[in-house]
Amino acid sequence: MNSLKRLSGFIWIALGAIVIYLLFNQAGKEIAEAAAGKRPLLDTQMFWYIIIPIFLPIILGLLLFGWYAWKGEYDVIARDSEHLS
């Protein structure tokens, strides 16, 4: 079970990195299209300037969760207060 937890940690890290790339890639494409005049520039910029700060901490949290899972921090889970230290 611990190896499954560690594997899922690696998957979370990879998924988080892919999502960050896709987020910035899509933002760049849409802002470039708006700058070319295909859509309103200000609306597009404001949308991405709001979306990126909202989703980036969530994605970074998933990366951190994956890092801890990959390093084995979740191998032993305390069931009561005696096992916390």
Foldseek 3Di string as FASTA:
>chain_A
DLVVLLVVLVVLQVVLVVVVVVLVVVLVVVLVCCVVPPDPNVVSVVVSVVVCVVCVVVSVVSNVSSVCSNVRVVVDDDPDPVPPD
